[in-house]
Amino acid sequence: MTAETIDTATFGQEWAAWHRQHETVRADPHGFLAITGLHWLALDPQRFPDAPGAWSTGSDGVTVTLGDAGQTPPERS
């Protein structure tokens, strides 16, 4: 095995640039930090105040039913 000499100044600058980009992506309106809740889905459809539709899961995966005839959509702020 051979040791490689690393320019620590360049490494630090490159890592700082990567970290800034990483945090920008996480803070994007659709990024990881946009998550408003974590819900465990069941076989029976459930409604959540922060997401439209009725959500459930089964052997075919996640299902969401949108546009329920008697439901008033939540107000957007």
C-alpha atoms as a PDB file:
ATOM      1  CA  MET A   1       0.000   0.000   0.000  1.00  0.00           C
ATOM      2  CA  THR A   2       1.302   3.445  -0.871  1.00  0.00           C
ATOM      3  CA  ALA A   3       0.581   6.595   1.045  1.00  0.00           C
ATOM      4  CA  GLU A   4      -0.600   9.582  -0.944  1.00  0.00           C
ATOM      5  CA  THR A   5       0.265  13.132  -0.048  1.00  0.00           C
ATOM      6  CA  ILE A   6      -2.864  15.249   0.238  1.00  0.00           C
ATOM      7  CA  ASP A   7      -2.880  19.005  -0.068  1.00  0.00           C
ATOM      8  CA  THR A   8      -4.932  19.789   3.034  1.00  0.00           C
ATOM      9  CA  ALA A   9      -5.718  23.358   1.945  1.00  0.00           C
ATOM     10  CA  THR A  10      -7.193  22.189  -1.364  1.00  0.00           C
ATOM     11  CA  PHE A  11      -9.008  19.345   0.343  1.00  0.00           C
ATOM     12  CA  GLY A  12     -10.527  21.758   2.867  1.00  0.00           C
ATOM     13  CA  GLN A  13     -11.685  24.139   0.137  1.00  0.00           C
ATOM     14  CA  GLU A  14     -13.188  21.343  -1.944  1.00  0.00           C
ATOM     15  CA  TRP A  15     -14.948  19.856   1.083  1.00  0.00           C
ATOM     16  CA  ALA A  16     -16.345  23.282   2.102  1.00  0.00           C
ATOM     17  CA  ALA A  17     -17.684  23.803  -1.450  1.00  0.00           C
ATOM     18  CA  TRP A  18     -19.248  20.307  -1.412  1.00  0.00           C
ATOM     19  CA  HIS A  19     -20.793  20.954   2.012  1.00  0.00           C
ATOM     20  CA  ARG A  20     -22.336  24.276   0.899  1.00  0.00           C
ATOM     21  CA  GLN A  21     -23.866  22.566  -2.156  1.00  0.00           C
ATOM     22  CA  HIS A  22     -25.072  19.640  -0.031  1.00  0.00           C
ATOM     23  CA  GLU A  23     -26.828  21.964   2.443  1.00  0.00           C
ATOM     24  CA  THR A  24     -28.372  23.965  -0.424  1.00  0.00           C
ATOM     25  CA  VAL A  25     -29.858  20.771  -1.899  1.00  0.00           C
ATOM     26  CA  ARG A  26     -31.157  19.647   1.519  1.00  0.00           C
ATOM     27  CA  ALA A  27     -32.820  23.034   2.113  1.00  0.00           C
ATOM     28  CA  ASP A  28     -34.481  23.103  -1.334  1.00  0.00           C
ATOM     29  CA  PRO A  29     -38.310  23.333  -1.170  1.00  0.00           C
ATOM     30  CA  HIS A  30     -38.427  19.685  -2.321  1.00  0.00           C
ATOM     31  CA  GLY A  31     -35.303  18.563  -0.434  1.00  0.00           C
ATOM     32  CA  PHE A  32     -34.940  16.395   2.652  1.00  0.00           C
ATOM     33  CA  LEU A  33     -35.519  19.263   5.071  1.00  0.00           C
ATOM     34  CA  ALA A  34     -38.925  19.919   3.467  1.00  0.00           C
ATOM     35  CA  ILE A  35     -40.356  16.809   5.130  1.00  0.00           C
ATOM     36  CA  THR A  36     -43.263  17.845   7.338  1.00  0.00           C
ATOM     37  CA  GLY A  37     -44.168  14.484   8.832  1.00  0.00           C
ATOM     38  CA  LEU A  38     -43.304  10.820   9.004  1.00  0.00           C
ATOM     39  CA  HIS A  39     -46.300   8.501   8.957  1.00  0.00           C
ATOM     40  CA  TRP A  40     -46.513   4.704   8.973  1.00  0.00           C
ATOM     41  CA  LEU A  41     -49.029   3.619   6.358  1.00  0.00           C
ATOM     42  CA  ALA A  42     -51.572   0.858   7.006  1.00  0.00           C
ATOM     43  CA  LEU A  43     -53.890  -1.222   4.831  1.00  0.00           C
ATOM     44  CA  ASP A  44     -56.808   1.129   5.616  1.00  0.00           C
ATOM     45  CA  PRO A  45     -56.621   4.535   3.880  1.00  0.00           C
ATOM     46  CA  GLN A  46     -55.606   7.401   6.185  1.00  0.00           C
ATOM     47  CA  ARG A  47     -55.688  11.169   5.713  1.00  0.00           C
ATOM     48  CA  PHE A  48     -52.957  13.472   6.975  1.00  0.00           C
ATOM     49  CA  PRO A  49     -53.275  17.229   7.489  1.00  0.00           C
ATOM     50  CA  ASP A  50     -50.038  17.974   5.610  1.00  0.00           C
ATOM     51  CA  ALA A  51     -50.690  15.843   2.501  1.00  0.00           C
ATOM     52  CA  PRO A  52     -53.612  15.590   0.083  1.00  0.00           C
ATOM     53  CA  GLY A  53     -55.549  12.385  -0.440  1.00  0.00           C
ATOM     54  CA  ALA A  54     -56.071   9.126   1.403  1.00  0.00           C
ATOM     55  CA  TRP A  55     -52.893   7.073   1.813  1.00  0.00           C
ATOM     56  CA  SER A  56     -52.516   3.319   2.316  1.00  0.00           C
ATOM     57  CA  THR A  57     -50.125   0.497   1.571  1.00  0.00           C
ATOM     58  CA  GLY A  58     -50.447  -3.129   0.542  1.00  0.00           C
ATOM     59  CA  SER A  59     -48.724  -5.867  -1.407  1.00  0.00           C
ATOM     60  CA  ASP A  60     -48.602  -3.629  -4.509  1.00  0.00           C
ATOM     61  CA  GLY A  61     -46.970  -0.742  -2.629  1.00  0.00           C
ATOM     62  CA  VAL A  62     -48.167   2.707  -1.609  1.00  0.00           C
ATOM     63  CA  THR A  63     -51.549   3.964  -2.870  1.00  0.00           C
ATOM     64  CA  VAL A  64     -52.927   7.497  -2.684  1.00  0.00           C
ATOM     65  CA  THR A  65     -56.479   8.357  -3.694  1.00  0.00           C
ATOM     66  CA  LEU A  66     -56.882  12.014  -4.623  1.00  0.00           C
ATOM     67  CA  GLY A  67     -60.013  14.055  -5.261  1.00  0.00           C
ATOM     68  CA  ASP A  68     -62.420  12.548  -2.742  1.00  0.00           C
ATOM     69  CA  ALA A  69     -65.837  13.990  -3.604  1.00  0.00           C
ATOM     70  CA  GLY A  70     -66.771  15.172  -0.110  1.00  0.00           C
ATOM     71  CA  GLN A  71     -63.409  16.538   0.962  1.00  0.00           C
ATOM     72  CA  THR A  72     -62.592  20.208   1.046  1.00  0.00           C
ATOM     73  CA  PRO A  73     -58.962  20.815   0.085  1.00  0.00           C
ATOM     74  CA  PRO A  74     -56.816  22.375   2.841  1.00  0.00           C
ATOM     75  CA  GLU A  75     -56.175  26.100   2.614  1.00  0.00           C
ATOM     76  CA  ARG A  76     -52.740  27.119   1.416  1.00  0.00           C
ATOM     77  CA  SER A  77     -50.900  29.733   3.408  1.00  0.00           C
END
